[in-house]
C-alpha atoms as a PDB file:
ATOM      1  CA  MET A   1     -94.142 -13.101 -27.567  1.00  0.00           C
ATOM      2  CA  ALA A   2     -92.699 -10.063 -25.845  1.00  0.00           C
ATOM      3  CA  GLY A   3     -93.483  -9.207 -22.246  1.00  0.00           C
ATOM      4  CA  ARG A   4     -94.688  -5.907 -20.938  1.00  0.00           C
ATOM      5  CA  PRO A   5     -92.226  -3.036 -20.990  1.00  0.00           C
ATOM      6  CA  ALA A   6     -90.653  -2.284 -17.625  1.00  0.00           C
ATOM      7  CA  LYS A   7     -92.529   0.188 -15.443  1.00  0.00           C
ATOM      8  CA  GLU A   8     -90.916   3.602 -15.451  1.00  0.00           C
ATOM      9  CA  PHE A   9     -91.367   5.799 -12.392  1.00  0.00           C
ATOM     10  CA  THR A  10     -91.351   9.564 -12.358  1.00  0.00           C
ATOM     11  CA  GLU A  11     -88.739  11.267 -10.178  1.00  0.00           C
ATOM     12  CA  GLU A  12     -91.481  12.027  -7.659  1.00  0.00           C
ATOM     13  CA  GLN A  13     -92.514   8.351  -7.532  1.00  0.00           C
ATOM     14  CA  LYS A  14     -88.888   7.260  -7.115  1.00  0.00           C
ATOM     15  CA  GLU A  15     -88.494   9.702  -4.230  1.00  0.00           C
ATOM     16  CA  THR A  16     -91.674   8.352  -2.620  1.00  0.00           C
ATOM     17  CA  ILE A  17     -90.304   4.796  -2.756  1.00  0.00           C
ATOM     18  CA  ILE A  18     -87.002   5.962  -1.253  1.00  0.00           C
ATOM     19  CA  LYS A  19     -88.737   7.896   1.530  1.00  0.00           C
ATOM     20  CA  LEU A  20     -91.013   4.966   2.404  1.00  0.00           C
ATOM     21  CA  SER A  21     -87.963   2.692   2.469  1.00  0.00           C
ATOM     22  CA  GLU A  22     -86.265   5.140   4.860  1.00  0.00           C
ATOM     23  CA  LEU A  23     -89.097   4.335   7.256  1.00  0.00           C
ATOM     24  CA  PHE A  24     -88.396   0.610   6.738  1.00  0.00           C
ATOM     25  CA  ALA A  25     -91.843   0.162   5.194  1.00  0.00           C
ATOM     26  CA  SER A  26     -92.389  -3.368   3.869  1.00  0.00           C
ATOM     27  CA  GLU A  27     -92.568  -4.206   0.174  1.00  0.00           C
ATOM     28  CA  THR A  28     -96.284  -4.842   0.614  1.00  0.00           C
ATOM     29  CA  GLU A  29     -96.837  -1.407   2.161  1.00  0.00           C
ATOM     30  CA  ILE A  30     -94.792   0.410  -0.479  1.00  0.00           C
ATOM     31  CA  ALA A  31     -96.517  -1.456  -3.322  1.00  0.00           C
ATOM     32  CA  TYR A  32     -99.915  -0.596  -1.823  1.00  0.00           C
ATOM     33  CA  VAL A  33     -99.096   3.111  -1.534  1.00  0.00           C
ATOM     34  CA  MET A  34     -97.675   3.167  -5.055  1.00  0.00           C
ATOM     35  CA  GLY A  35    -100.582   1.193  -6.533  1.00  0.00           C
ATOM     36  CA  ILE A  36     -98.323  -1.470  -8.040  1.00  0.00           C
ATOM     37  CA  ASN A  37     -97.570  -5.165  -7.576  1.00  0.00           C
ATOM     38  CA  ARG A  38     -94.701  -6.249  -5.343  1.00  0.00           C
ATOM     39  CA  SER A  39     -93.113  -7.964  -8.347  1.00  0.00           C
ATOM     40  CA  THR A  40     -92.970  -4.602 -10.128  1.00  0.00           C
ATOM     41  CA  LEU A  41     -91.463  -2.994  -7.048  1.00  0.00           C
ATOM     42  CA  ARG A  42     -88.791  -5.699  -6.782  1.00  0.00           C
ATOM     43  CA  LYS A  43     -87.580  -4.776 -10.271  1.00  0.00           C
ATOM     44  CA  HIS A  44     -86.649  -1.408  -8.732  1.00  0.00           C
ATOM     45  CA  SER A  45     -85.084  -2.792  -5.555  1.00  0.00           C
ATOM     46  CA  HIS A  46     -82.208  -0.311  -5.889  1.00  0.00           C
ATOM     47  CA  LEU A  47     -84.638   2.426  -4.806  1.00  0.00           C
ATOM     48  CA  MET A  48     -85.567   0.531  -1.644  1.00  0.00           C
ATOM     49  CA  GLU A  49     -81.911  -0.243  -0.932  1.00  0.00           C
ATOM     50  CA  ALA A  50     -81.068   3.460  -1.256  1.00  0.00           C
ATOM     51  CA  GLY A  51     -83.805   4.402   1.206  1.00  0.00           C
ATOM     52  CA  LYS A  52     -82.747   1.802   3.764  1.00  0.00           C
ATOM     53  CA  ALA A  53     -79.109   2.892   3.457  1.00  0.00           C
ATOM     54  CA  LYS A  54     -80.112   6.521   4.110  1.00  0.00           C
ATOM     55  CA  ALA A  55     -82.100   5.433   7.171  1.00  0.00           C
ATOM     56  CA  LYS A  56     -79.172   3.466   8.579  1.00  0.00           C
ATOM     57  CA  ILE A  57     -76.868   6.464   8.191  1.00  0.00           C
ATOM     58  CA  LYS A  58     -79.404   8.668  10.008  1.00  0.00           C
ATOM     59  CA  LEU A  59     -79.649   6.123  12.838  1.00  0.00           C
ATOM     60  CA  ARG A  60     -75.869   5.894  13.141  1.00  0.00           C
ATOM     61  CA  ARG A  61     -75.602   9.674  13.242  1.00  0.00           C
ATOM     62  CA  ALA A  62     -78.281   9.913  15.959  1.00  0.00           C
ATOM     63  CA  GLN A  63     -76.572   7.191  18.007  1.00  0.00           C
ATOM     64  CA  MET A  64     -73.205   8.899  17.715  1.00  0.00           C
ATOM     65  CA  GLU A  65     -74.686  12.259  18.697  1.00  0.00           C
ATOM     66  CA  LYS A  66     -76.290  10.719  21.805  1.00  0.00           C
ATOM     67  CA  ALA A  67     -73.039   9.020  22.724  1.00  0.00           C
ATOM     68  CA  LEU A  68     -71.010  12.194  22.259  1.00  0.00           C
ATOM     69  CA  GLU A  69     -73.520  14.094  24.411  1.00  0.00           C
ATOM     70  CA  GLY A  70     -72.395  11.766  27.175  1.00  0.00           C
ATOM     71  CA  ASN A  71     -75.190   9.178  27.129  1.00  0.00           C
ATOM     72  CA  PRO A  72     -73.519   6.296  29.004  1.00  0.00           C
ATOM     73  CA  THR A  73     -75.695   3.598  27.458  1.00  0.00           C
ATOM     74  CA  MET A  74     -74.824   4.701  23.935  1.00  0.00           C
ATOM     75  CA  LEU A  75     -71.142   5.121  24.824  1.00  0.00           C
ATOM     76  CA  ILE A  76     -70.974   1.551  26.135  1.00  0.00           C
ATOM     77  CA  TRP A  77     -72.985   0.077  23.268  1.00  0.00           C
ATOM     78  CA  LEU A  78     -70.987   1.865  20.553  1.00  0.00           C
ATOM     79  CA  GLY A  79     -67.744   0.944  22.305  1.00  0.00           C
ATOM     80  CA  LYS A  80     -68.723  -2.714  22.149  1.00  0.00           C
ATOM     81  CA  GLN A  81     -70.020  -2.563  18.579  1.00  0.00           C
ATOM     82  CA  MET A  82     -67.480  -0.293  16.941  1.00  0.00           C
ATOM     83  CA  LEU A  83     -64.360  -0.686  19.069  1.00  0.00           C
ATOM     84  CA  GLY A  84     -64.573  -4.343  20.068  1.00  0.00           C
ATOM     85  CA  GLN A  85     -64.702  -3.491  23.763  1.00  0.00           C
ATOM     86  CA  SER A  86     -66.272  -5.890  26.249  1.00  0.00           C
ATOM     87  CA  ASP A  87     -67.481  -6.076  29.836  1.00  0.00           C
ATOM     88  CA  ASN A  88     -64.629  -8.455  30.641  1.00  0.00           C
ATOM     89  CA  PRO A  89     -61.463  -6.816  29.392  1.00  0.00           C
ATOM     90  CA  GLY A  90     -58.395  -8.828  30.044  1.00  0.00           C
ATOM     91  CA  ASP A  91     -54.821  -9.151  29.067  1.00  0.00           C
ATOM     92  CA  GLU A  92     -54.521 -11.541  26.147  1.00  0.00           C
ATOM     93  CA  ASP A  93     -51.756 -13.396  28.025  1.00  0.00           C
ATOM     94  CA  SER A  94     -54.046 -14.054  30.988  1.00  0.00           C
ATOM     95  CA  ASN A  95     -56.085 -16.490  28.877  1.00  0.00           C
ATOM     96  CA  ILE A  96     -53.132 -18.741  28.008  1.00  0.00           C
ATOM     97  CA  ILE A  97     -53.028 -22.118  29.754  1.00  0.00           C
ATOM     98  CA  LEU A  98     -49.805 -22.483  31.659  1.00  0.00           C
ATOM     99  CA  PRO A  99     -47.803 -25.733  31.500  1.00  0.00           C
ATOM    100  CA  TRP A 100     -48.246 -28.179  34.388  1.00  0.00           C
ATOM    101  CA  GLU A 101     -45.046 -28.708  36.285  1.00  0.00           C
ATOM    102  CA  THR A 102     -44.377 -31.358  38.900  1.00  0.00           C
ATOM    103  CA  GLU A 103     -41.256 -31.713  40.953  1.00  0.00           C
END
């Protein structure tokens, strides 16, 4: 007994799924808008992944633009996240325990 053939989306429907995913819409919300079951949507998870990836790139770009405009909060946050900077910079050698000497 063969199962149903896989649902094929038009290019317009694929773009709708990608755009909804760019807004980080849930599977339930996307399935509702598309008029399909979540299980059907999951078979096309690559479309949702593409939308979320596009959204993340847009967010990164916006964060970088704010930082480069001189926004101190974004400069500090990106420095910590992307450059490994911290509020407590210190020389690596200053964290080494020195030997105990008695005379």
